N, C-alpha and C. Protein backbone atom coordinates (compact mmCIF):
# COMPACT_ATOMS: atom_id res chain seq x y z
N UNK A 1 17.13 8.74 33.39
CA UNK A 1 16.87 10.04 32.78
C UNK A 1 16.28 9.83 31.38
N UNK A 2 15.25 10.58 31.08
CA UNK A 2 14.59 10.48 29.78
C UNK A 2 15.46 11.10 28.69
N UNK A 3 15.51 10.43 27.54
CA UNK A 3 16.29 10.91 26.41
C UNK A 3 15.63 12.14 25.82
N UNK A 4 16.42 13.17 25.54
CA UNK A 4 15.89 14.38 24.90
C UNK A 4 15.57 14.09 23.44
N UNK A 5 14.57 14.78 22.94
CA UNK A 5 14.26 14.73 21.51
C UNK A 5 15.41 15.44 20.79
N UNK A 6 15.96 14.75 19.78
CA UNK A 6 17.08 15.31 19.01
C UNK A 6 16.56 15.80 17.65
N UNK A 7 16.81 17.08 17.37
CA UNK A 7 16.32 17.71 16.14
C UNK A 7 17.48 18.30 15.36
N UNK A 8 17.53 17.98 14.07
CA UNK A 8 18.51 18.59 13.18
C UNK A 8 17.78 19.67 12.39
N UNK A 9 18.27 20.89 12.45
CA UNK A 9 17.72 22.01 11.68
C UNK A 9 18.72 22.33 10.57
N UNK A 10 18.22 22.41 9.34
CA UNK A 10 19.11 22.64 8.20
C UNK A 10 18.53 23.67 7.24
N UNK A 11 19.41 24.42 6.64
CA UNK A 11 19.07 25.33 5.55
C UNK A 11 19.54 24.66 4.27
N UNK A 12 18.60 24.28 3.43
CA UNK A 12 18.93 23.53 2.22
C UNK A 12 19.06 24.45 1.01
N UNK A 13 19.96 24.08 0.13
CA UNK A 13 20.10 24.79 -1.13
C UNK A 13 20.85 26.10 -0.98
N UNK A 14 20.58 27.00 -1.90
CA UNK A 14 21.32 28.25 -1.98
C UNK A 14 20.75 29.38 -1.14
N UNK A 15 19.69 29.09 -0.42
CA UNK A 15 19.04 30.07 0.45
C UNK A 15 20.04 30.56 1.49
N UNK A 16 20.27 31.86 1.56
CA UNK A 16 21.24 32.41 2.49
C UNK A 16 20.65 33.11 3.69
N UNK A 17 19.37 33.00 3.91
CA UNK A 17 18.68 33.69 5.00
C UNK A 17 18.40 32.68 6.11
N UNK A 18 19.09 32.80 7.24
CA UNK A 18 18.93 31.78 8.28
C UNK A 18 18.39 32.30 9.62
N UNK A 19 17.88 33.52 9.64
CA UNK A 19 17.36 34.05 10.90
C UNK A 19 16.23 33.18 11.45
N UNK A 20 15.29 32.78 10.58
CA UNK A 20 14.17 31.95 11.02
C UNK A 20 14.63 30.61 11.56
N UNK A 21 15.60 30.00 10.89
CA UNK A 21 16.12 28.71 11.35
C UNK A 21 16.75 28.84 12.73
N UNK A 22 17.46 29.93 12.96
CA UNK A 22 18.09 30.14 14.26
C UNK A 22 17.05 30.41 15.35
N UNK A 23 15.98 31.12 15.00
CA UNK A 23 14.89 31.37 15.96
C UNK A 23 14.23 30.04 16.34
N UNK A 24 13.97 29.20 15.34
CA UNK A 24 13.34 27.90 15.61
C UNK A 24 14.29 27.03 16.45
N UNK A 25 15.57 27.00 16.11
CA UNK A 25 16.53 26.21 16.87
C UNK A 25 16.53 26.64 18.34
N UNK A 26 16.54 27.94 18.59
CA UNK A 26 16.54 28.44 19.97
C UNK A 26 15.23 28.07 20.68
N UNK A 27 14.11 28.20 19.98
CA UNK A 27 12.81 27.87 20.58
C UNK A 27 12.71 26.39 20.94
N UNK A 28 13.23 25.54 20.07
CA UNK A 28 13.18 24.10 20.35
C UNK A 28 14.12 23.75 21.51
N UNK A 29 15.26 24.42 21.60
CA UNK A 29 16.15 24.22 22.75
C UNK A 29 15.44 24.64 24.03
N UNK A 30 14.76 25.81 23.97
CA UNK A 30 14.04 26.29 25.14
C UNK A 30 12.92 25.34 25.55
N UNK A 31 12.41 24.57 24.58
CA UNK A 31 11.34 23.59 24.84
C UNK A 31 11.92 22.25 25.33
N UNK A 32 13.23 22.20 25.55
CA UNK A 32 13.85 21.02 26.12
C UNK A 32 14.42 20.03 25.13
N UNK A 33 14.50 20.41 23.86
CA UNK A 33 15.04 19.51 22.84
C UNK A 33 16.52 19.78 22.63
N UNK A 34 17.21 18.76 22.14
CA UNK A 34 18.60 18.92 21.75
C UNK A 34 18.59 19.26 20.27
N UNK A 35 19.22 20.36 19.89
CA UNK A 35 19.15 20.85 18.51
C UNK A 35 20.54 20.91 17.90
N UNK A 36 20.64 20.38 16.70
CA UNK A 36 21.86 20.46 15.91
C UNK A 36 21.53 21.34 14.71
N UNK A 37 22.23 22.45 14.55
CA UNK A 37 22.01 23.34 13.40
C UNK A 37 23.17 23.17 12.44
N UNK A 38 22.87 22.79 11.21
CA UNK A 38 23.92 22.48 10.24
C UNK A 38 24.48 23.69 9.53
N UNK A 39 23.79 24.82 9.59
CA UNK A 39 24.28 26.00 8.89
C UNK A 39 23.70 26.10 7.48
N UNK A 40 24.21 27.06 6.74
CA UNK A 40 23.70 27.40 5.42
C UNK A 40 24.19 26.46 4.32
N UNK A 41 23.43 26.47 3.24
CA UNK A 41 23.81 25.85 1.96
C UNK A 41 24.11 24.36 2.05
N UNK A 42 23.22 23.64 2.70
CA UNK A 42 23.37 22.19 2.84
C UNK A 42 22.68 21.47 1.69
N UNK A 43 23.29 20.42 1.19
CA UNK A 43 22.65 19.59 0.17
C UNK A 43 21.79 18.54 0.87
N UNK A 44 20.83 17.97 0.16
CA UNK A 44 20.05 16.88 0.76
C UNK A 44 20.94 15.75 1.29
N UNK A 45 21.98 15.39 0.55
CA UNK A 45 22.89 14.34 1.00
C UNK A 45 23.58 14.71 2.31
N UNK A 46 24.03 15.95 2.40
CA UNK A 46 24.70 16.41 3.62
C UNK A 46 23.74 16.39 4.81
N UNK A 47 22.50 16.79 4.58
CA UNK A 47 21.50 16.84 5.64
C UNK A 47 21.19 15.43 6.16
N UNK A 48 20.94 14.51 5.26
CA UNK A 48 20.61 13.14 5.67
C UNK A 48 21.80 12.48 6.34
N UNK A 49 23.00 12.70 5.83
CA UNK A 49 24.19 12.13 6.46
C UNK A 49 24.38 12.67 7.87
N UNK A 50 24.20 13.97 8.05
CA UNK A 50 24.32 14.56 9.39
C UNK A 50 23.26 13.99 10.32
N UNK A 51 22.05 13.82 9.81
CA UNK A 51 20.95 13.27 10.63
C UNK A 51 21.29 11.85 11.07
N UNK A 52 21.87 11.06 10.18
CA UNK A 52 22.28 9.70 10.53
C UNK A 52 23.38 9.72 11.60
N UNK A 53 24.38 10.54 11.39
CA UNK A 53 25.51 10.61 12.31
C UNK A 53 25.07 11.09 13.70
N UNK A 54 24.12 12.00 13.73
CA UNK A 54 23.66 12.58 15.00
C UNK A 54 22.52 11.78 15.63
N UNK A 55 22.02 10.75 14.93
CA UNK A 55 20.93 9.91 15.43
C UNK A 55 19.74 10.76 15.89
N UNK A 56 19.26 11.60 14.98
CA UNK A 56 18.17 12.52 15.33
C UNK A 56 16.80 11.85 15.19
N UNK A 57 15.85 12.45 15.88
CA UNK A 57 14.45 12.03 15.80
C UNK A 57 13.69 12.82 14.75
N UNK A 58 14.19 14.01 14.47
CA UNK A 58 13.49 14.95 13.59
C UNK A 58 14.50 15.68 12.71
N UNK A 59 14.13 15.84 11.43
CA UNK A 59 14.87 16.72 10.52
C UNK A 59 13.93 17.87 10.19
N UNK A 60 14.37 19.09 10.48
CA UNK A 60 13.59 20.28 10.17
C UNK A 60 14.31 21.09 9.12
N UNK A 61 13.64 21.32 8.01
CA UNK A 61 14.23 22.06 6.89
C UNK A 61 13.63 23.45 6.82
N UNK A 62 14.48 24.45 6.77
CA UNK A 62 14.04 25.82 6.57
C UNK A 62 14.38 26.20 5.14
N UNK A 63 13.35 26.60 4.39
CA UNK A 63 13.59 26.89 2.97
C UNK A 63 12.74 28.08 2.52
N UNK A 64 13.42 29.05 1.96
CA UNK A 64 12.76 30.26 1.46
C UNK A 64 13.01 30.47 -0.02
N UNK A 65 13.81 29.60 -0.63
CA UNK A 65 14.30 29.82 -1.99
C UNK A 65 13.32 29.42 -3.09
N UNK A 66 12.27 28.70 -2.74
CA UNK A 66 11.34 28.22 -3.77
C UNK A 66 11.69 26.84 -4.29
N UNK A 67 12.74 26.24 -3.77
CA UNK A 67 13.17 24.91 -4.24
C UNK A 67 12.58 23.77 -3.40
N UNK A 68 11.54 24.05 -2.64
CA UNK A 68 10.97 23.06 -1.72
C UNK A 68 10.46 21.80 -2.41
N UNK A 69 9.96 21.93 -3.64
CA UNK A 69 9.41 20.75 -4.32
C UNK A 69 10.53 19.87 -4.90
N UNK A 70 11.75 20.34 -4.85
CA UNK A 70 12.92 19.53 -5.22
C UNK A 70 13.61 19.01 -3.96
N UNK A 71 13.83 19.91 -3.00
CA UNK A 71 14.61 19.58 -1.80
C UNK A 71 13.91 18.56 -0.91
N UNK A 72 12.66 18.82 -0.55
CA UNK A 72 11.96 17.90 0.37
C UNK A 72 11.84 16.48 -0.20
N UNK A 73 11.40 16.31 -1.47
CA UNK A 73 11.32 14.94 -1.99
C UNK A 73 12.68 14.24 -2.04
N UNK A 74 13.74 14.98 -2.36
CA UNK A 74 15.08 14.39 -2.39
C UNK A 74 15.49 13.90 -1.00
N UNK A 75 15.26 14.74 0.00
CA UNK A 75 15.58 14.35 1.38
C UNK A 75 14.74 13.14 1.80
N UNK A 76 13.46 13.18 1.50
CA UNK A 76 12.57 12.07 1.87
C UNK A 76 13.03 10.77 1.21
N UNK A 77 13.40 10.82 -0.06
CA UNK A 77 13.90 9.63 -0.76
C UNK A 77 15.19 9.10 -0.14
N UNK A 78 16.10 10.00 0.20
CA UNK A 78 17.35 9.58 0.84
C UNK A 78 17.08 8.96 2.20
N UNK A 79 16.14 9.54 2.94
CA UNK A 79 15.78 8.98 4.25
C UNK A 79 15.24 7.56 4.08
N UNK A 80 14.40 7.36 3.08
CA UNK A 80 13.84 6.02 2.82
C UNK A 80 14.95 5.04 2.46
N UNK A 81 15.86 5.47 1.59
CA UNK A 81 16.99 4.62 1.19
C UNK A 81 17.84 4.21 2.39
N UNK A 82 17.98 5.11 3.37
CA UNK A 82 18.83 4.85 4.54
C UNK A 82 18.05 4.20 5.68
N UNK A 83 16.77 3.87 5.46
CA UNK A 83 15.98 3.21 6.49
C UNK A 83 15.57 4.13 7.63
N UNK A 84 15.44 5.41 7.34
CA UNK A 84 15.10 6.39 8.38
C UNK A 84 13.59 6.63 8.42
N UNK A 85 12.82 5.57 8.41
CA UNK A 85 11.37 5.68 8.39
C UNK A 85 10.79 6.10 9.73
N UNK A 86 11.60 6.08 10.78
CA UNK A 86 11.13 6.47 12.10
C UNK A 86 11.58 7.89 12.47
N UNK A 87 12.03 8.65 11.48
CA UNK A 87 12.46 10.03 11.68
C UNK A 87 11.47 10.96 11.00
N UNK A 88 11.03 11.97 11.74
CA UNK A 88 10.10 12.96 11.20
C UNK A 88 10.85 13.94 10.30
N UNK A 89 10.33 14.16 9.10
CA UNK A 89 10.81 15.23 8.21
C UNK A 89 9.75 16.31 8.21
N UNK A 90 10.12 17.48 8.69
CA UNK A 90 9.20 18.61 8.78
C UNK A 90 9.97 19.85 8.35
N UNK A 91 9.32 20.98 8.38
CA UNK A 91 10.03 22.19 8.00
C UNK A 91 9.13 23.39 7.88
N UNK A 92 9.70 24.39 7.27
CA UNK A 92 8.94 25.61 7.11
C UNK A 92 9.60 26.56 6.14
N UNK A 93 8.84 27.59 5.82
CA UNK A 93 9.33 28.60 4.91
C UNK A 93 8.17 29.16 4.10
N UNK A 94 8.52 29.77 3.00
CA UNK A 94 7.50 30.35 2.12
C UNK A 94 7.11 29.27 1.12
N UNK A 95 6.05 28.55 1.45
CA UNK A 95 5.62 27.40 0.66
C UNK A 95 4.12 27.51 0.43
N UNK A 96 3.67 27.53 -0.81
CA UNK A 96 2.24 27.64 -1.10
C UNK A 96 1.45 26.44 -0.57
N UNK A 97 0.21 26.68 -0.21
CA UNK A 97 -0.66 25.65 0.36
C UNK A 97 -0.77 24.42 -0.54
N UNK A 98 -0.88 24.62 -1.85
CA UNK A 98 -1.00 23.45 -2.75
C UNK A 98 0.26 22.60 -2.73
N UNK A 99 1.42 23.24 -2.57
CA UNK A 99 2.67 22.48 -2.47
C UNK A 99 2.77 21.78 -1.12
N UNK A 100 2.27 22.41 -0.07
CA UNK A 100 2.25 21.77 1.25
C UNK A 100 1.46 20.47 1.17
N UNK A 101 0.33 20.50 0.50
CA UNK A 101 -0.50 19.29 0.37
C UNK A 101 0.26 18.20 -0.39
N UNK A 102 0.97 18.57 -1.45
CA UNK A 102 1.76 17.59 -2.22
C UNK A 102 2.88 17.00 -1.37
N UNK A 103 3.52 17.83 -0.57
CA UNK A 103 4.59 17.34 0.30
C UNK A 103 4.04 16.40 1.36
N UNK A 104 2.89 16.72 1.90
CA UNK A 104 2.26 15.83 2.89
C UNK A 104 1.98 14.46 2.26
N UNK A 105 1.56 14.45 0.99
CA UNK A 105 1.24 13.19 0.30
C UNK A 105 2.46 12.27 0.17
N UNK A 106 3.66 12.83 0.12
CA UNK A 106 4.85 11.99 0.00
C UNK A 106 5.46 11.65 1.37
N UNK A 107 4.79 12.07 2.43
CA UNK A 107 5.23 11.69 3.76
C UNK A 107 5.96 12.75 4.56
N UNK A 108 5.99 13.98 4.06
CA UNK A 108 6.57 15.07 4.83
C UNK A 108 5.55 15.47 5.90
N UNK A 109 6.03 15.77 7.10
CA UNK A 109 5.15 16.18 8.18
C UNK A 109 4.63 17.58 7.98
N UNK A 110 4.22 18.18 9.06
CA UNK A 110 3.65 19.53 9.03
C UNK A 110 4.66 20.51 8.45
N UNK A 111 4.16 21.46 7.68
CA UNK A 111 4.98 22.55 7.14
C UNK A 111 4.49 23.84 7.80
N UNK A 112 5.41 24.58 8.37
CA UNK A 112 5.07 25.81 9.08
C UNK A 112 5.47 27.01 8.23
N UNK A 113 4.54 27.91 8.03
CA UNK A 113 4.79 29.10 7.22
C UNK A 113 5.20 30.26 8.13
N UNK A 114 5.74 31.33 7.55
CA UNK A 114 6.18 32.47 8.37
C UNK A 114 5.06 32.96 9.29
N UNK A 115 5.45 33.24 10.53
CA UNK A 115 4.50 33.72 11.52
C UNK A 115 3.94 32.61 12.41
N UNK A 116 4.25 31.36 12.11
CA UNK A 116 3.78 30.26 12.96
C UNK A 116 4.38 30.43 14.36
N UNK A 117 3.56 30.34 15.39
CA UNK A 117 4.11 30.44 16.75
C UNK A 117 5.10 29.30 17.02
N UNK A 118 6.22 29.64 17.59
CA UNK A 118 7.25 28.63 17.82
C UNK A 118 6.77 27.53 18.75
N UNK A 119 5.89 27.85 19.70
CA UNK A 119 5.41 26.80 20.60
C UNK A 119 4.54 25.79 19.85
N UNK A 120 3.90 26.19 18.74
CA UNK A 120 3.15 25.24 17.92
C UNK A 120 4.10 24.22 17.29
N UNK A 121 5.25 24.69 16.87
CA UNK A 121 6.24 23.79 16.25
C UNK A 121 6.75 22.80 17.29
N UNK A 122 7.12 23.31 18.47
CA UNK A 122 7.60 22.42 19.54
C UNK A 122 6.52 21.43 19.95
N UNK A 123 5.29 21.90 20.09
CA UNK A 123 4.18 21.01 20.47
C UNK A 123 3.95 19.94 19.41
N UNK A 124 4.02 20.32 18.13
CA UNK A 124 3.83 19.35 17.05
C UNK A 124 4.89 18.26 17.11
N UNK A 125 6.15 18.65 17.30
CA UNK A 125 7.23 17.67 17.36
C UNK A 125 7.03 16.73 18.55
N UNK A 126 6.72 17.28 19.71
CA UNK A 126 6.49 16.44 20.90
C UNK A 126 5.34 15.48 20.68
N UNK A 127 4.26 15.96 20.07
CA UNK A 127 3.09 15.11 19.79
C UNK A 127 3.47 13.99 18.82
N UNK A 128 4.23 14.34 17.77
CA UNK A 128 4.63 13.34 16.78
C UNK A 128 5.50 12.27 17.43
N UNK A 129 6.44 12.69 18.25
CA UNK A 129 7.35 11.75 18.93
C UNK A 129 6.54 10.83 19.86
N UNK A 130 5.57 11.38 20.56
CA UNK A 130 4.73 10.57 21.46
C UNK A 130 3.93 9.54 20.66
N UNK A 131 3.46 9.94 19.49
CA UNK A 131 2.64 9.05 18.65
C UNK A 131 3.47 8.05 17.85
N UNK A 132 4.77 8.32 17.70
CA UNK A 132 5.66 7.48 16.89
C UNK A 132 6.94 7.17 17.66
N UNK A 133 6.83 6.45 18.77
CA UNK A 133 8.03 6.23 19.59
C UNK A 133 9.06 5.35 18.88
N UNK A 134 10.31 5.73 19.02
CA UNK A 134 11.43 4.98 18.43
C UNK A 134 11.99 3.97 19.43
N UNK A 135 11.85 4.25 20.72
CA UNK A 135 12.56 3.46 21.73
C UNK A 135 11.59 2.82 22.69
């Protein structure tokens, strides 16, 4: 039996709006992925630790608070420190295009803004996993 893609979805920081994260989690489950949702108000340390414990292939961050230029780099640095170079860091939220470009430069994957079709997110993850096999 083929191993399912394991995705951790997290709401980082003080952002208390999680409807989008729950929609994405459900869509990825419907696309055949195993999804772990960490809930609200997660710190970068908590997110990376959960990702390690759950042995995920993907970390997806939902962020609407404006703290994306702090949260994503912190998570990426922690992932590097823990040797998680084979795990995709992606996410979405209200993030300006110029910040998306800066995040891509530090190794963050695709960033999805509000209104992105959920099947595009699932397709992107599947494509990334196919192009970057862990096993």
